[in-house]
Amino acid sequence: MSAEAQTAEGVLEYLIKAIVESPDDVHIETSGEERCTFSVTVADGDMGRVIGKRGRVANAIRTIVRAAAIHDETEIDVDFVD
């Protein structure tokens, strides 16, 4: 976990693993200097669950994780890698 956004990364991991059918296949990569970016990779069949209809689930995840990042005093982006 990134020391800069530990809370946000923990919340992101918890949410993604709760949604997918294969929680062991969830991988989160952290990158970025000034703005932290989380790149989320899930199993092939789980990407639809994470994105949701019209991207609603993905947008909700981004909103919750950005709110958690306030505790870390940092700004974050969440990308879902296919």
PDB file of N, CA and C in Angstrom:
ATOM      1  N   MET A   1       0.841  -1.196   0.000  1.00  0.00           N
ATOM      2  CA  MET A   1       0.000   0.000   0.000  1.00  0.00           C
ATOM      3  C   MET A   1       0.873   1.241   0.000  1.00  0.00           C
ATOM      4  N   SER A   2       0.385   2.226  -0.693  1.00  0.00           N
ATOM      5  CA  SER A   2       1.093   3.496  -0.730  1.00  0.00           C
ATOM      6  C   SER A   2       0.948   4.185   0.620  1.00  0.00           C
ATOM      7  N   ALA A   3       2.053   4.703   1.129  1.00  0.00           N
ATOM      8  CA  ALA A   3       2.013   5.388   2.422  1.00  0.00           C
ATOM      9  C   ALA A   3       1.220   6.685   2.320  1.00  0.00           C
ATOM     10  N   GLU A   4       1.177   7.268   1.112  1.00  0.00           N
ATOM     11  CA  GLU A   4       0.504   8.549   0.928  1.00  0.00           C
ATOM     12  C   GLU A   4      -1.015   8.419   0.962  1.00  0.00           C
ATOM     13  N   ALA A   5      -1.538   7.301   0.484  1.00  0.00           N
ATOM     14  CA  ALA A   5      -2.988   7.143   0.385  1.00  0.00           C
ATOM     15  C   ALA A   5      -3.429   5.788   0.924  1.00  0.00           C
ATOM     16  N   GLN A   6      -2.976   5.472   2.100  1.00  0.00           N
ATOM     17  CA  GLN A   6      -3.248   4.168   2.695  1.00  0.00           C
ATOM     18  C   GLN A   6      -4.734   3.927   2.933  1.00  0.00           C
ATOM     19  N   THR A   7      -5.430   4.917   3.452  1.00  0.00           N
ATOM     20  CA  THR A   7      -6.855   4.773   3.732  1.00  0.00           C
ATOM     21  C   THR A   7      -7.637   4.586   2.444  1.00  0.00           C
ATOM     22  N   ALA A   8      -7.368   5.424   1.453  1.00  0.00           N
ATOM     23  CA  ALA A   8      -8.084   5.354   0.174  1.00  0.00           C
ATOM     24  C   ALA A   8      -7.845   4.014  -0.512  1.00  0.00           C
ATOM     25  N   GLU A   9      -6.616   3.523  -0.481  1.00  0.00           N
ATOM     26  CA  GLU A   9      -6.316   2.245  -1.114  1.00  0.00           C
ATOM     27  C   GLU A   9      -7.009   1.093  -0.389  1.00  0.00           C
ATOM     28  N   GLY A  10      -7.061   1.150   0.915  1.00  0.00           N
ATOM     29  CA  GLY A  10      -7.746   0.127   1.685  1.00  0.00           C
ATOM     30  C   GLY A  10      -9.241   0.091   1.387  1.00  0.00           C
ATOM     31  N   VAL A  11      -9.845   1.263   1.285  1.00  0.00           N
ATOM     32  CA  VAL A  11     -11.271   1.356   0.959  1.00  0.00           C
ATOM     33  C   VAL A  11     -11.520   0.825  -0.448  1.00  0.00           C
ATOM     34  N   LEU A  12     -10.666   1.208  -1.400  1.00  0.00           N
ATOM     35  CA  LEU A  12     -10.806   0.738  -2.781  1.00  0.00           C
ATOM     36  C   LEU A  12     -10.718  -0.783  -2.856  1.00  0.00           C
ATOM     37  N   GLU A  13      -9.725  -1.343  -2.199  1.00  0.00           N
ATOM     38  CA  GLU A  13      -9.550  -2.794  -2.218  1.00  0.00           C
ATOM     39  C   GLU A  13     -10.756  -3.501  -1.604  1.00  0.00           C
ATOM     40  N   TYR A  14     -11.251  -2.989  -0.499  1.00  0.00           N
ATOM     41  CA  TYR A  14     -12.413  -3.578   0.168  1.00  0.00           C
ATOM     42  C   TYR A  14     -13.635  -3.561  -0.749  1.00  0.00           C
ATOM     43  N   LEU A  15     -13.898  -2.416  -1.390  1.00  0.00           N
ATOM     44  CA  LEU A  15     -15.069  -2.288  -2.258  1.00  0.00           C
ATOM     45  C   LEU A  15     -14.990  -3.215  -3.468  1.00  0.00           C
ATOM     46  N   ILE A  16     -13.837  -3.229  -4.127  1.00  0.00           N
ATOM     47  CA  ILE A  16     -13.684  -4.051  -5.329  1.00  0.00           C
ATOM     48  C   ILE A  16     -13.825  -5.529  -4.983  1.00  0.00           C
ATOM     49  N   LYS A  17     -13.168  -5.971  -3.919  1.00  0.00           N
ATOM     50  CA  LYS A  17     -13.230  -7.385  -3.546  1.00  0.00           C
ATOM     51  C   LYS A  17     -14.638  -7.806  -3.132  1.00  0.00           C
ATOM     52  N   ALA A  18     -15.448  -6.873  -2.627  1.00  0.00           N
ATOM     53  CA  ALA A  18     -16.818  -7.189  -2.237  1.00  0.00           C
ATOM     54  C   ALA A  18     -17.723  -7.348  -3.458  1.00  0.00           C
ATOM     55  N   ILE A  19     -17.367  -6.720  -4.571  1.00  0.00           N
ATOM     56  CA  ILE A  19     -18.206  -6.737  -5.774  1.00  0.00           C
ATOM     57  C   ILE A  19     -17.912  -7.935  -6.671  1.00  0.00           C
ATOM     58  N   VAL A  20     -16.645  -8.280  -6.831  1.00  0.00           N
ATOM     59  CA  VAL A  20     -16.240  -9.285  -7.822  1.00  0.00           C
ATOM     60  C   VAL A  20     -16.472 -10.713  -7.326  1.00  0.00           C
ATOM     61  N   GLU A  21     -16.501 -11.653  -8.288  1.00  0.00           N
ATOM     62  CA  GLU A  21     -16.640 -13.062  -7.944  1.00  0.00           C
ATOM     63  C   GLU A  21     -15.295 -13.696  -7.615  1.00  0.00           C
ATOM     64  N   SER A  22     -14.205 -13.118  -8.131  1.00  0.00           N
ATOM     65  CA  SER A  22     -12.851 -13.652  -7.897  1.00  0.00           C
ATOM     66  C   SER A  22     -11.999 -12.618  -7.161  1.00  0.00           C
ATOM     67  N   PRO A  23     -12.197 -12.471  -5.850  1.00  0.00           N
ATOM     68  CA  PRO A  23     -11.453 -11.439  -5.111  1.00  0.00           C
ATOM     69  C   PRO A  23      -9.939 -11.662  -5.103  1.00  0.00           C
ATOM     70  N   ASP A  24      -9.492 -12.907  -5.306  1.00  0.00           N
ATOM     71  CA  ASP A  24      -8.048 -13.170  -5.317  1.00  0.00           C
ATOM     72  C   ASP A  24      -7.380 -12.614  -6.563  1.00  0.00           C
ATOM     73  N   ASP A  25      -8.161 -12.323  -7.612  1.00  0.00           N
ATOM     74  CA  ASP A  25      -7.609 -11.799  -8.867  1.00  0.00           C
ATOM     75  C   ASP A  25      -7.604 -10.277  -8.917  1.00  0.00           C
ATOM     76  N   VAL A  26      -7.927  -9.616  -7.826  1.00  0.00           N
ATOM     77  CA  VAL A  26      -7.929  -8.150  -7.786  1.00  0.00           C
ATOM     78  C   VAL A  26      -6.503  -7.660  -7.522  1.00  0.00           C
ATOM     79  N   HIS A  27      -6.028  -6.770  -8.403  1.00  0.00           N
ATOM     80  CA  HIS A  27      -4.702  -6.176  -8.242  1.00  0.00           C
ATOM     81  C   HIS A  27      -4.822  -4.669  -8.378  1.00  0.00           C
ATOM     82  N   ILE A  28      -4.178  -3.949  -7.472  1.00  0.00           N
ATOM     83  CA  ILE A  28      -4.205  -2.491  -7.498  1.00  0.00           C
ATOM     84  C   ILE A  28      -2.770  -1.988  -7.564  1.00  0.00           C
ATOM     85  N   GLU A  29      -2.463  -1.231  -8.622  1.00  0.00           N
ATOM     86  CA  GLU A  29      -1.140  -0.623  -8.756  1.00  0.00           C
ATOM     87  C   GLU A  29      -1.256   0.854  -8.448  1.00  0.00           C
ATOM     88  N   THR A  30      -0.294   1.377  -7.724  1.00  0.00           N
ATOM     89  CA  THR A  30      -0.282   2.784  -7.354  1.00  0.00           C
ATOM     90  C   THR A  30       0.828   3.489  -8.114  1.00  0.00           C
ATOM     91  N   SER A  31       0.509   4.652  -8.676  1.00  0.00           N
ATOM     92  CA  SER A  31       1.524   5.431  -9.387  1.00  0.00           C
ATOM     93  C   SER A  31       1.219   6.908  -9.214  1.00  0.00           C
ATOM     94  N   GLY A  32       2.155   7.737  -9.639  1.00  0.00           N
ATOM     95  CA  GLY A  32       1.966   9.183  -9.585  1.00  0.00           C
ATOM     96  C   GLY A  32       2.762   9.822  -8.477  1.00  0.00           C
ATOM     97  N   GLU A  33       3.188  11.044  -8.754  1.00  0.00           N
ATOM     98  CA  GLU A  33       3.960  11.809  -7.771  1.00  0.00           C
ATOM     99  C   GLU A  33       3.047  12.759  -6.987  1.00  0.00           C
ATOM    100  N   GLU A  34       2.492  13.758  -7.686  1.00  0.00           N
ATOM    101  CA  GLU A  34       1.671  14.758  -7.008  1.00  0.00           C
ATOM    102  C   GLU A  34       0.238  14.270  -6.799  1.00  0.00           C
ATOM    103  N   ARG A  35      -0.263  13.534  -7.770  1.00  0.00           N
ATOM    104  CA  ARG A  35      -1.626  12.993  -7.697  1.00  0.00           C
ATOM    105  C   ARG A  35      -1.533  11.481  -7.798  1.00  0.00           C
ATOM    106  N   CYS A  36      -2.038  10.782  -6.816  1.00  0.00           N
ATOM    107  CA  CYS A  36      -1.947   9.327  -6.755  1.00  0.00           C
ATOM    108  C   CYS A  36      -2.977   8.705  -7.701  1.00  0.00           C
ATOM    109  N   THR A  37      -2.542   7.727  -8.492  1.00  0.00           N
ATOM    110  CA  THR A  37      -3.436   7.022  -9.409  1.00  0.00           C
ATOM    111  C   THR A  37      -3.445   5.545  -9.068  1.00  0.00           C
ATOM    112  N   PHE A  38      -4.637   5.003  -8.865  1.00  0.00           N
ATOM    113  CA  PHE A  38      -4.801   3.580  -8.626  1.00  0.00           C
ATOM    114  C   PHE A  38      -5.276   2.934  -9.919  1.00  0.00           C
ATOM    115  N   SER A  39      -4.552   1.941 -10.409  1.00  0.00           N
ATOM    116  CA  SER A  39      -4.951   1.173 -11.588  1.00  0.00           C
ATOM    117  C   SER A  39      -5.453  -0.182 -11.100  1.00  0.00           C
ATOM    118  N   VAL A  40      -6.728  -0.443 -11.324  1.00  0.00           N
ATOM    119  CA  VAL A  40      -7.374  -1.651 -10.812  1.00  0.00           C
ATOM    120  C   VAL A  40      -7.509  -2.673 -11.937  1.00  0.00           C
ATOM    121  N   THR A  41      -7.043  -3.896 -11.683  1.00  0.00           N
ATOM    122  CA  THR A  41      -7.182  -5.007 -12.618  1.00  0.00           C
ATOM    123  C   THR A  41      -7.966  -6.112 -11.911  1.00  0.00           C
ATOM    124  N   VAL A  42      -8.972  -6.652 -12.609  1.00  0.00           N
ATOM    125  CA  VAL A  42      -9.770  -7.743 -12.052  1.00  0.00           C
ATOM    126  C   VAL A  42      -9.814  -8.892 -13.056  1.00  0.00           C
ATOM    127  N   ALA A  43     -10.388 -10.014 -12.662  1.00  0.00           N
ATOM    128  CA  ALA A  43     -10.530 -11.169 -13.555  1.00  0.00           C
ATOM    129  C   ALA A  43     -11.403 -10.775 -14.752  1.00  0.00           C
ATOM    130  N   ASP A  44     -11.233 -11.509 -15.863  1.00  0.00           N
ATOM    131  CA  ASP A  44     -11.923 -11.177 -17.107  1.00  0.00           C
ATOM    132  C   ASP A  44     -13.431 -10.999 -16.949  1.00  0.00           C
ATOM    133  N   GLY A  45     -14.092 -11.908 -16.276  1.00  0.00           N
ATOM    134  CA  GLY A  45     -15.544 -11.841 -16.148  1.00  0.00           C
ATOM    135  C   GLY A  45     -16.052 -10.826 -15.148  1.00  0.00           C
ATOM    136  N   ASP A  46     -15.177 -10.235 -14.355  1.00  0.00           N
ATOM    137  CA  ASP A  46     -15.601  -9.329 -13.289  1.00  0.00           C
ATOM    138  C   ASP A  46     -15.609  -7.851 -13.686  1.00  0.00           C
ATOM    139  N   MET A  47     -15.023  -7.492 -14.821  1.00  0.00           N
ATOM    140  CA  MET A  47     -14.940  -6.074 -15.182  1.00  0.00           C
ATOM    141  C   MET A  47     -16.332  -5.464 -15.347  1.00  0.00           C
ATOM    142  N   GLY A  48     -17.275  -6.219 -15.896  1.00  0.00           N
ATOM    143  CA  GLY A  48     -18.642  -5.708 -16.050  1.00  0.00           C
ATOM    144  C   GLY A  48     -19.298  -5.390 -14.722  1.00  0.00           C
ATOM    145  N   ARG A  49     -19.023  -6.200 -13.715  1.00  0.00           N
ATOM    146  CA  ARG A  49     -19.571  -5.960 -12.375  1.00  0.00           C
ATOM    147  C   ARG A  49     -19.002  -4.683 -11.776  1.00  0.00           C
ATOM    148  N   VAL A  50     -17.714  -4.440 -12.022  1.00  0.00           N
ATOM    149  CA  VAL A  50     -17.047  -3.271 -11.447  1.00  0.00           C
ATOM    150  C   VAL A  50     -17.495  -1.987 -12.146  1.00  0.00           C
ATOM    151  N   ILE A  51     -17.690  -2.047 -13.458  1.00  0.00           N
ATOM    152  CA  ILE A  51     -18.094  -0.862 -14.210  1.00  0.00           C
ATOM    153  C   ILE A  51     -19.578  -0.565 -13.981  1.00  0.00           C
ATOM    154  N   GLY A  52     -20.427  -1.585 -14.053  1.00  0.00           N
ATOM    155  CA  GLY A  52     -21.858  -1.393 -13.846  1.00  0.00           C
ATOM    156  C   GLY A  52     -22.531  -0.797 -15.068  1.00  0.00           C
ATOM    157  N   LYS A  53     -23.844  -0.675 -15.012  1.00  0.00           N
ATOM    158  CA  LYS A  53     -24.600  -0.091 -16.121  1.00  0.00           C
ATOM    159  C   LYS A  53     -24.270   1.385 -16.246  1.00  0.00           C
ATOM    160  N   ARG A  54     -23.875   1.756 -17.453  1.00  0.00           N
ATOM    161  CA  ARG A  54     -23.510   3.149 -17.760  1.00  0.00           C
ATOM    162  C   ARG A  54     -22.421   3.696 -16.842  1.00  0.00           C
ATOM    163  N   GLY A  55     -21.626   2.817 -16.264  1.00  0.00           N
ATOM    164  CA  GLY A  55     -20.510   3.239 -15.423  1.00  0.00           C
ATOM    165  C   GLY A  55     -20.898   3.727 -14.044  1.00  0.00           C
ATOM    166  N   ARG A  56     -22.104   3.421 -13.629  1.00  0.00           N
ATOM    167  CA  ARG A  56     -22.581   3.937 -12.338  1.00  0.00           C
ATOM    168  C   ARG A  56     -21.819   3.363 -11.152  1.00  0.00           C
ATOM    169  N   VAL A  57     -21.527   2.071 -11.186  1.00  0.00           N
ATOM    170  CA  VAL A  57     -20.797   1.451 -10.076  1.00  0.00           C
ATOM    171  C   VAL A  57     -19.379   2.025 -10.012  1.00  0.00           C
ATOM    172  N   ALA A  58     -18.731   2.149 -11.173  1.00  0.00           N
ATOM    173  CA  ALA A  58     -17.372   2.688 -11.217  1.00  0.00           C
ATOM    174  C   ALA A  58     -17.344   4.120 -10.689  1.00  0.00           C
ATOM    175  N   ASN A  59     -18.316   4.932 -11.070  1.00  0.00           N
ATOM    176  CA  ASN A  59     -18.360   6.313 -10.586  1.00  0.00           C
ATOM    177  C   ASN A  59     -18.621   6.368  -9.082  1.00  0.00           C
ATOM    178  N   ALA A  60     -19.450   5.472  -8.582  1.00  0.00           N
ATOM    179  CA  ALA A  60     -19.714   5.429  -7.142  1.00  0.00           C
ATOM    180  C   ALA A  60     -18.449   5.039  -6.384  1.00  0.00           C
ATOM    181  N   ILE A  61     -17.708   4.058  -6.919  1.00  0.00           N
ATOM    182  CA  ILE A  61     -16.446   3.648  -6.291  1.00  0.00           C
ATOM    183  C   ILE A  61     -15.480   4.822  -6.260  1.00  0.00           C
ATOM    184  N   ARG A  62     -15.347   5.532  -7.380  1.00  0.00           N
ATOM    185  CA  ARG A  62     -14.445   6.692  -7.437  1.00  0.00           C
ATOM    186  C   ARG A  62     -14.829   7.744  -6.395  1.00  0.00           C
ATOM    187  N   THR A  63     -16.122   8.008  -6.259  1.00  0.00           N
ATOM    188  CA  THR A  63     -16.592   9.006  -5.306  1.00  0.00           C
ATOM    189  C   THR A  63     -16.242   8.611  -3.870  1.00  0.00           C
ATOM    190  N   ILE A  64     -16.488   7.365  -3.515  1.00  0.00           N
ATOM    191  CA  ILE A  64     -16.210   6.897  -2.156  1.00  0.00           C
ATOM    192  C   ILE A  64     -14.717   6.928  -1.860  1.00  0.00           C
ATOM    193  N   VAL A  65     -13.903   6.493  -2.821  1.00  0.00           N
ATOM    194  CA  VAL A  65     -12.455   6.445  -2.608  1.00  0.00           C
ATOM    195  C   VAL A  65     -11.878   7.859  -2.534  1.00  0.00           C
ATOM    196  N   ARG A  66     -12.411   8.777  -3.326  1.00  0.00           N
ATOM    197  CA  ARG A  66     -11.949  10.179  -3.235  1.00  0.00           C
ATOM    198  C   ARG A  66     -12.302  10.769  -1.877  1.00  0.00           C
ATOM    199  N   ALA A  67     -13.458  10.400  -1.343  1.00  0.00           N
ATOM    200  CA  ALA A  67     -13.837  10.873  -0.006  1.00  0.00           C
ATOM    201  C   ALA A  67     -12.888  10.303   1.045  1.00  0.00           C
ATOM    202  N   ALA A  68     -12.494   9.044   0.887  1.00  0.00           N
ATOM    203  CA  ALA A  68     -11.537   8.441   1.826  1.00  0.00           C
ATOM    204  C   ALA A  68     -10.166   9.097   1.706  1.00  0.00           C
ATOM    205  N   ALA A  69      -9.829   9.581   0.514  1.00  0.00           N
ATOM    206  CA  ALA A  69      -8.525  10.223   0.297  1.00  0.00           C
ATOM    207  C   ALA A  69      -8.409  11.551   1.041  1.00  0.00           C
ATOM    208  N   ILE A  70      -9.527  12.127   1.415  1.00  0.00           N
ATOM    209  CA  ILE A  70      -9.493  13.365   2.204  1.00  0.00           C
ATOM    210  C   ILE A  70      -8.794  13.096   3.534  1.00  0.00           C
ATOM    211  N   HIS A  71      -9.035  11.921   4.106  1.00  0.00           N
ATOM    212  CA  HIS A  71      -8.368  11.525   5.352  1.00  0.00           C
ATOM    213  C   HIS A  71      -6.856  11.436   5.146  1.00  0.00           C
ATOM    214  N   ASP A  72      -6.440  11.029   3.935  1.00  0.00           N
ATOM    215  CA  ASP A  72      -5.015  10.909   3.612  1.00  0.00           C
ATOM    216  C   ASP A  72      -4.402  12.234   3.172  1.00  0.00           C
ATOM    217  N   GLU A  73      -5.254  13.258   3.056  1.00  0.00           N
ATOM    218  CA  GLU A  73      -4.819  14.581   2.605  1.00  0.00           C
ATOM    219  C   GLU A  73      -4.120  14.521   1.254  1.00  0.00           C
ATOM    220  N   THR A  74      -4.729  13.802   0.312  1.00  0.00           N
ATOM    221  CA  THR A  74      -4.185  13.690  -1.040  1.00  0.00           C
ATOM    222  C   THR A  74      -5.333  13.602  -2.039  1.00  0.00           C
ATOM    223  N   GLU A  75      -5.009  13.804  -3.308  1.00  0.00           N
ATOM    224  CA  GLU A  75      -5.989  13.654  -4.375  1.00  0.00           C
ATOM    225  C   GLU A  75      -5.660  12.374  -5.127  1.00  0.00           C
ATOM    226  N   ILE A  76      -6.688  11.659  -5.545  1.00  0.00           N
ATOM    227  CA  ILE A  76      -6.459  10.379  -6.213  1.00  0.00           C
ATOM    228  C   ILE A  76      -7.339  10.257  -7.451  1.00  0.00           C
ATOM    229  N   ASP A  77      -6.912   9.371  -8.339  1.00  0.00           N
ATOM    230  CA  ASP A  77      -7.695   8.946  -9.497  1.00  0.00           C
ATOM    231  C   ASP A  77      -7.783   7.432  -9.445  1.00  0.00           C
ATOM    232  N   VAL A  78      -8.889   6.888  -9.942  1.00  0.00           N
ATOM    233  CA  VAL A  78      -9.058   5.444 -10.007  1.00  0.00           C
ATOM    234  C   VAL A  78      -9.292   5.080 -11.477  1.00  0.00           C
ATOM    235  N   ASP A  79      -8.425   4.225 -12.031  1.00  0.00           N
ATOM    236  CA  ASP A  79      -8.568   3.739 -13.398  1.00  0.00           C
ATOM    237  C   ASP A  79      -8.837   2.244 -13.355  1.00  0.00           C
ATOM    238  N   PHE A  80      -9.763   1.803 -14.185  1.00  0.00           N
ATOM    239  CA  PHE A  80     -10.061   0.379 -14.288  1.00  0.00           C
ATOM    240  C   PHE A  80      -9.447  -0.134 -15.566  1.00  0.00           C
ATOM    241  N   VAL A  81      -8.455  -1.012 -15.441  1.00  0.00           N
ATOM    242  CA  VAL A  81      -7.678  -1.508 -16.566  1.00  0.00           C
ATOM    243  C   VAL A  81      -8.285  -2.805 -17.065  1.00  0.00           C
ATOM    244  N   ASP A  82      -8.577  -2.830 -18.359  1.00  0.00           N
ATOM    245  CA  ASP A  82      -9.207  -4.005 -18.960  1.00  0.00           C
ATOM    246  C   ASP A  82      -8.189  -5.043 -19.345  1.00  0.00           C
TER     247      ASP A  82
END
